[in-house]
Amino acid sequence: MTIYRQNARVLVQGLTGKQGSFWTEKMLGCGTQVVAGVNPKRAGEEHLGLPVYATAREAMAGTHFDWAVMFIPPAAAKAAAIDAIEAGTKTLVVLTEHIPMQDVLAIHHAARAHGTRIVGPNTAGVVTPGEGFVGIMPGHNPNIFQPGEIGVISRSGSLGTLVCLNLTRAGYGQSAFLGIGGDPMIGTTTRDALMALDRDERTRAVVLVGEIGGAMEEAAAEYAAGMSKPVVSFIAGRASPPGKKMGHAGAIVSGDRGSYAGKRAALEAAGVAVADTPGELPELLRCALGHPVPTAAGFALHAGK
């Protein structure tokens, strides 16, 4: 998985819509290098000071981009995604949820054929505090995100926001937030994101926010067991009944597969401390890193300054 960096150029598909406009303004305001947008009905115009193209392929010819982000409804998501993939985007952030499963399969097939990294579907996006964000996370809010050394992985955007808020209040800034998405068939898994943060020189420790359903946390635990960087975790859904979908399409437990107990056991066996509540994560980080309680200069303390 690619961590967003400020020199990456971003295309917004659905730029001129209400959500596309709102979040593009926020992205631009905190440093994201958005270079163009797509809307076939408004090609040739400018919106928010950005050129609007009919297709991603025309946008690539007019102004190169590395990332694309989709503010596109489910029925049009397949065509938009394949347009961006075939245009040559390196990373595609698929915010859309409720995409038909056969369309998701077609998107992943096209991405593999062209070497595109898919983030999502049903992701809230990614944030690199101090550099920018791509998606619908509140990366512009300094009360939630501050530059630092803690990488955060989450299927859920809302839960990831809560965790980052708790970390920031405790004096722990983030090196990156990676929202992988809540659908059953996603392009970037928990393990993929963990591997990216393990390789990231800015990341000193990782917070892994999982939830019931599937086996991604178990696969991530296998990788975490060999990491030198400490990993702490919270798994949502401890009290959920088996067989009932809880929030995300991927958060469903079938028999023993994907259960809270199984995920927690796998993580703890790998040496990952698991919190009972999100509010316990800062304390687990302090123990893992050997930090004292943060002072008023918390961010400087944890940045080693």
Protein backbone atom coordinates (compact mmCIF):
# COMPACT_ATOMS: atom_id res chain seq x y z
CA MET A 1 0.00 0.00 0.00
CA THR A 2 1.18 3.50 -0.79
CA ILE A 3 1.17 6.05 2.03
CA TYR A 4 0.02 9.45 0.80
CA ARG A 5 2.80 11.99 0.37
CA GLN A 6 2.37 15.68 -0.42
CA ASN A 7 4.13 15.46 -3.78
CA ALA A 8 1.48 13.03 -5.08
CA ARG A 9 -0.94 14.57 -7.59
CA VAL A 10 -4.62 13.78 -7.04
CA LEU A 11 -7.59 13.56 -9.44
CA VAL A 12 -11.12 13.90 -8.02
CA GLN A 13 -13.80 11.97 -9.90
CA GLY A 14 -17.12 13.64 -9.19
CA LEU A 15 -15.41 16.92 -8.32
CA THR A 16 -18.39 19.19 -9.02
CA GLY A 17 -20.93 17.36 -6.85
CA LYS A 18 -21.85 18.46 -3.33
CA GLN A 19 -19.62 15.97 -1.52
CA GLY A 20 -16.83 16.18 -4.07
CA SER A 21 -16.77 19.97 -3.79
CA PHE A 22 -16.90 20.01 0.02
CA TRP A 23 -14.13 17.49 0.56
CA THR A 24 -11.93 18.80 -2.24
CA GLU A 25 -11.94 22.21 -0.57
CA LYS A 26 -10.87 20.54 2.68
CA MET A 27 -8.17 18.53 0.93
CA LEU A 28 -6.79 21.60 -0.82
CA GLY A 29 -6.89 23.56 2.42
CA CYS A 30 -4.56 21.19 4.23
CA GLY A 31 -2.04 20.69 1.47
CA THR A 32 -3.31 17.88 -0.74
CA GLN A 33 -2.14 18.49 -4.30
CA VAL A 34 -5.46 18.11 -6.14
CA VAL A 35 -4.78 18.88 -9.81
CA ALA A 36 -8.04 18.22 -11.68
CA GLY A 37 -11.53 16.76 -11.59
CA VAL A 38 -13.85 14.68 -13.74
CA ASN A 39 -17.45 15.34 -14.74
CA PRO A 40 -18.46 14.54 -18.35
CA LYS A 41 -21.25 17.12 -18.25
CA ARG A 42 -18.93 19.96 -17.26
CA ALA A 43 -15.79 19.12 -19.22
CA GLY A 44 -13.82 22.19 -20.21
CA GLU A 45 -14.95 24.23 -17.20
CA GLU A 46 -13.06 25.11 -14.03
CA HIS A 47 -14.34 24.27 -10.55
CA LEU A 48 -12.59 25.37 -7.35
CA GLY A 49 -9.88 26.69 -9.64
CA LEU A 50 -9.27 23.21 -11.08
CA PRO A 51 -9.74 22.02 -14.68
CA VAL A 52 -12.64 19.63 -15.25
CA TYR A 53 -12.27 16.80 -17.79
CA ALA A 54 -14.76 14.39 -19.32
CA THR A 55 -12.75 11.29 -18.37
CA ALA A 56 -9.77 10.31 -16.24
CA ARG A 57 -7.89 9.38 -19.41
CA GLU A 58 -8.33 12.91 -20.74
CA ALA A 59 -7.26 14.28 -17.36
CA MET A 60 -4.09 12.19 -17.42
CA ALA A 61 -3.26 13.57 -20.85
CA GLY A 62 -3.97 17.13 -19.70
CA THR A 63 -2.29 17.04 -16.28
CA HIS A 64 -0.55 14.00 -14.83
CA PHE A 65 -1.88 12.48 -11.57
CA ASP A 66 -0.73 9.64 -9.28
CA TRP A 67 -3.86 9.17 -7.15
CA ALA A 68 -7.57 9.27 -7.95
CA VAL A 69 -10.46 9.45 -5.49
CA MET A 70 -14.07 8.62 -6.37
CA PHE A 71 -17.11 10.64 -5.27
CA ILE A 72 -19.25 8.47 -7.51
CA PRO A 73 -22.61 6.68 -6.89
CA PRO A 74 -22.67 2.85 -6.88
CA ALA A 75 -24.25 2.39 -10.32
CA ALA A 76 -21.49 4.43 -11.99
CA ALA A 77 -18.60 3.26 -9.81
CA LYS A 78 -17.37 0.43 -12.06
CA ALA A 79 -17.05 2.65 -15.14
CA ALA A 80 -15.36 5.46 -13.19
CA ALA A 81 -12.93 3.10 -11.47
CA ILE A 82 -11.90 1.36 -14.69
CA ASP A 83 -11.50 4.75 -16.39
CA ALA A 84 -9.06 5.85 -13.67
CA ILE A 85 -7.25 2.51 -13.67
CA GLU A 86 -6.83 2.45 -17.45
CA ALA A 87 -5.69 6.08 -17.35
CA GLY A 88 -2.72 4.92 -15.29
CA THR A 89 -3.41 6.02 -11.72
CA LYS A 90 -1.11 4.34 -9.23
CA THR A 91 -3.60 4.45 -6.35
CA LEU A 92 -7.41 4.60 -6.50
CA VAL A 93 -9.39 5.49 -3.38
CA VAL A 94 -12.88 4.02 -3.74
CA LEU A 95 -15.10 5.81 -1.23
CA THR A 96 -18.31 4.36 -2.69
CA GLU A 97 -20.24 1.72 -0.76
CA HIS A 98 -22.99 -0.63 -1.98
CA ILE A 99 -21.21 -1.29 -5.28
CA PRO A 100 -22.63 -4.50 -6.83
CA MET A 101 -20.31 -7.41 -6.09
CA GLN A 102 -19.79 -8.29 -9.75
CA ASP A 103 -18.70 -4.69 -10.36
CA VAL A 104 -16.23 -4.86 -7.46
CA LEU A 105 -14.74 -8.02 -8.96
CA ALA A 106 -14.35 -6.24 -12.31
CA ILE A 107 -12.63 -3.28 -10.61
CA HIS A 108 -10.16 -5.55 -8.81
CA HIS A 109 -9.47 -7.50 -12.01
CA ALA A 110 -8.69 -4.29 -13.90
CA ALA A 111 -6.49 -3.04 -11.05
CA ARG A 112 -4.41 -6.23 -11.05
CA ALA A 113 -3.99 -6.04 -14.82
CA HIS A 114 -2.74 -2.43 -14.69
CA GLY A 115 -0.80 -2.45 -11.41
CA THR A 116 -3.13 -0.07 -9.57
CA ARG A 117 -3.46 -0.15 -5.78
CA ILE A 118 -7.12 -0.05 -4.71
CA VAL A 119 -8.01 1.44 -1.32
CA GLY A 120 -11.58 0.39 -0.50
CA PRO A 121 -14.37 0.10 -1.57
CA ASN A 122 -16.27 1.71 1.29
CA THR A 123 -13.19 3.43 2.67
CA ALA A 124 -13.04 6.83 4.34
CA GLY A 125 -9.60 7.39 2.81
CA VAL A 126 -6.08 8.07 4.01
CA VAL A 127 -4.42 10.88 5.97
CA THR A 128 -0.82 11.98 6.39
CA PRO A 129 -0.98 14.74 9.03
CA GLY A 130 0.98 17.81 8.01
CA GLU A 131 0.89 16.83 4.33
CA GLY A 132 -2.73 16.20 3.35
CA PHE A 133 -5.45 13.61 3.01
CA VAL A 134 -7.41 11.85 0.27
CA GLY A 135 -11.04 10.99 0.99
CA ILE A 136 -13.56 11.97 3.65
CA MET A 137 -11.52 11.74 6.84
CA PRO A 138 -11.25 14.99 8.86
CA GLY A 139 -7.58 15.37 8.00
CA HIS A 140 -8.01 19.14 8.12
CA ASN A 141 -8.92 19.08 11.84
CA PRO A 142 -5.86 19.59 14.10
CA ASN A 143 -7.83 18.42 17.14
CA ILE A 144 -8.00 14.95 15.56
CA PHE A 145 -4.82 14.68 13.47
CA GLN A 146 -1.33 15.90 14.32
CA PRO A 147 2.00 14.90 12.76
CA GLY A 148 3.78 12.22 14.78
CA GLU A 149 5.11 8.68 14.83
CA ILE A 150 2.04 6.45 15.26
CA GLY A 151 0.57 4.70 12.23
CA VAL A 152 -3.15 3.90 12.45
CA ILE A 153 -5.02 1.27 10.43
CA SER A 154 -8.81 1.02 10.50
CA ARG A 155 -11.63 -0.53 8.50
CA SER A 156 -13.99 2.09 9.91
CA GLY A 157 -13.62 5.80 9.27
CA SER A 158 -15.68 6.83 12.30
CA LEU A 159 -13.87 4.48 14.66
CA GLY A 160 -10.54 5.49 13.16
CA THR A 161 -11.43 9.14 13.80
CA LEU A 162 -12.22 8.38 17.43
CA VAL A 163 -8.94 6.52 17.89
CA CYS A 164 -6.90 9.33 16.33
CA LEU A 165 -8.73 11.86 18.52
CA ASN A 166 -7.81 9.83 21.61
CA LEU A 167 -4.19 9.55 20.48
CA THR A 168 -3.91 13.27 19.74
CA ARG A 169 -5.38 14.19 23.12
CA ALA A 170 -2.82 11.90 24.75
CA GLY A 171 0.04 13.58 22.89
CA TYR A 172 0.57 10.99 20.17
CA GLY A 173 0.58 12.38 16.64
CA GLN A 174 0.15 10.13 13.63
CA SER A 175 2.61 9.28 10.87
CA ALA A 176 -0.28 8.08 8.70
CA PHE A 177 -3.89 6.96 8.90
CA LEU A 178 -4.81 4.16 6.49
CA GLY A 179 -8.53 3.50 6.10
CA ILE A 180 -8.82 0.17 4.32
CA GLY A 181 -12.63 0.02 4.00
CA GLY A 182 -15.47 -2.07 5.35
CA ASP A 183 -16.54 -4.20 2.38
CA PRO A 184 -15.89 -7.96 2.13
CA MET A 185 -13.77 -7.59 -1.04
CA ILE A 186 -11.28 -4.76 -0.54
CA GLY A 187 -8.14 -3.98 -2.46
CA THR A 188 -5.89 -3.30 0.53
CA THR A 189 -6.03 -5.62 3.52
CA THR A 190 -5.08 -5.03 7.14
CA ARG A 191 -1.88 -6.98 6.52
CA ASP A 192 -1.05 -4.88 3.44
CA ALA A 193 -1.44 -1.70 5.49
CA LEU A 194 0.60 -3.13 8.36
CA MET A 195 3.41 -4.01 5.97
CA ALA A 196 3.40 -0.46 4.57
CA LEU A 197 3.70 1.07 8.04
CA ASP A 198 6.40 -1.42 9.01
CA ARG A 199 8.46 -0.19 6.05
CA ASP A 200 7.71 3.48 6.75
CA GLU A 201 10.67 5.27 8.34
CA ARG A 202 8.39 7.84 9.98
CA THR A 203 6.34 5.22 11.84
CA ARG A 204 7.57 4.10 15.26
CA ALA A 205 4.51 2.11 16.40
CA VAL A 206 1.17 0.98 14.95
CA VAL A 207 -2.40 1.03 16.21
CA LEU A 208 -4.49 -1.62 14.45
CA VAL A 209 -8.24 -1.04 14.66
CA GLY A 210 -10.11 -4.15 13.55
CA GLU A 211 -13.58 -5.54 13.75
CA ILE A 212 -15.35 -8.86 13.63
CA GLY A 213 -15.79 -10.70 10.35
CA GLY A 214 -13.32 -12.20 7.90
CA ALA A 215 -9.75 -13.19 8.70
CA MET A 216 -7.79 -10.01 7.97
CA GLU A 217 -6.75 -9.40 11.57
CA GLU A 218 -5.55 -12.99 11.91
CA ALA A 219 -3.44 -12.59 8.76
CA ALA A 220 -2.09 -9.30 10.08
CA ALA A 221 -1.22 -10.98 13.38
CA GLU A 222 1.01 -13.45 11.54
CA TYR A 223 2.97 -10.53 10.08
CA ALA A 224 3.00 -8.55 13.34
CA ALA A 225 4.70 -11.45 15.11
CA GLY A 226 7.89 -10.73 13.15
CA MET A 227 7.86 -6.92 13.45
CA SER A 228 10.33 -4.95 15.52
CA LYS A 229 7.90 -2.03 15.80
CA PRO A 230 5.31 -2.41 18.56
CA VAL A 231 1.67 -2.95 17.55
CA VAL A 232 -1.37 -2.39 19.76
CA SER A 233 -4.94 -3.09 18.78
CA PHE A 234 -8.64 -2.64 19.40
CA ILE A 235 -11.23 -5.01 17.91
CA ALA A 236 -14.79 -3.73 17.60
CA GLY A 237 -17.77 -6.06 17.95
CA ARG A 238 -17.02 -7.97 21.15
CA ALA A 239 -20.71 -8.17 22.12
CA SER A 240 -22.15 -8.78 18.64
CA PRO A 241 -24.27 -11.93 18.10
CA PRO A 242 -23.01 -14.56 15.59
CA GLY A 243 -24.48 -14.34 12.08
CA LYS A 244 -25.58 -10.70 12.40
CA LYS A 245 -24.07 -8.02 10.20
CA MET A 246 -22.79 -5.12 12.30
CA GLY A 247 -22.33 -1.88 10.35
CA HIS A 248 -19.96 -2.93 7.58
CA ALA A 249 -20.74 -5.53 4.95
CA GLY A 250 -17.57 -7.36 5.99
CA ALA A 251 -18.40 -7.37 9.69
CA ILE A 252 -20.33 -10.61 9.92
CA VAL A 253 -19.34 -13.70 11.87
CA SER A 254 -20.11 -17.12 10.39
CA GLY A 255 -19.63 -19.88 12.96
CA ASP A 256 -16.18 -19.52 14.51
CA ARG A 257 -14.77 -17.61 11.53
CA GLY A 258 -14.10 -13.95 12.16
CA SER A 259 -15.10 -14.00 15.83
CA TYR A 260 -13.89 -11.46 18.37
CA ALA A 261 -12.34 -14.17 20.51
CA GLY A 262 -10.45 -15.67 17.56
CA LYS A 263 -9.06 -12.33 16.44
CA ARG A 264 -8.01 -11.30 19.93
CA ALA A 265 -6.34 -14.63 20.57
CA ALA A 266 -4.39 -14.45 17.30
CA LEU A 267 -3.20 -10.91 17.98
CA GLU A 268 -2.20 -11.59 21.58
CA ALA A 269 -0.35 -14.75 20.52
CA ALA A 270 1.65 -12.52 18.14
CA GLY A 271 2.62 -10.19 20.98
CA VAL A 272 0.05 -7.50 20.15
CA ALA A 273 -1.57 -5.86 23.20
CA VAL A 274 -5.35 -5.64 22.71
CA ALA A 275 -7.42 -2.92 24.37
CA ASP A 276 -10.91 -3.54 25.72
CA THR A 277 -11.95 0.00 24.71
CA PRO A 278 -10.50 2.59 22.30
CA GLY A 279 -9.70 4.85 25.25
CA GLU A 280 -7.13 2.33 26.52
CA LEU A 281 -4.96 2.53 23.38
CA PRO A 282 -2.78 5.50 24.47
CA GLU A 283 -1.84 3.70 27.67
CA LEU A 284 -0.96 0.53 25.75
CA LEU A 285 1.25 2.66 23.50
CA ARG A 286 3.01 4.18 26.51
CA CYS A 287 3.79 0.71 27.80
CA ALA A 288 4.91 -0.54 24.38
CA LEU A 289 7.18 2.47 23.76
CA GLY A 290 8.34 2.99 27.32
CA HIS A 291 7.02 6.55 27.37
CA PRO A 292 6.11 8.52 30.48
CA VAL A 293 2.73 10.24 30.64
CA PRO A 294 2.84 13.03 27.99
CA THR A 295 3.49 16.57 29.10
CA ALA A 296 1.89 19.71 27.69
CA ALA A 297 4.53 19.46 24.94
CA GLY A 298 3.30 16.00 24.10
CA PHE A 299 3.89 16.05 20.35
CA ALA A 300 7.47 17.24 20.73
CA LEU A 301 8.03 14.59 23.40
CA HIS A 302 6.85 11.77 21.18
CA ALA A 303 8.68 13.07 18.15
CA GLY A 304 11.90 12.78 20.14
CA LYS A 305 12.51 16.53 20.08
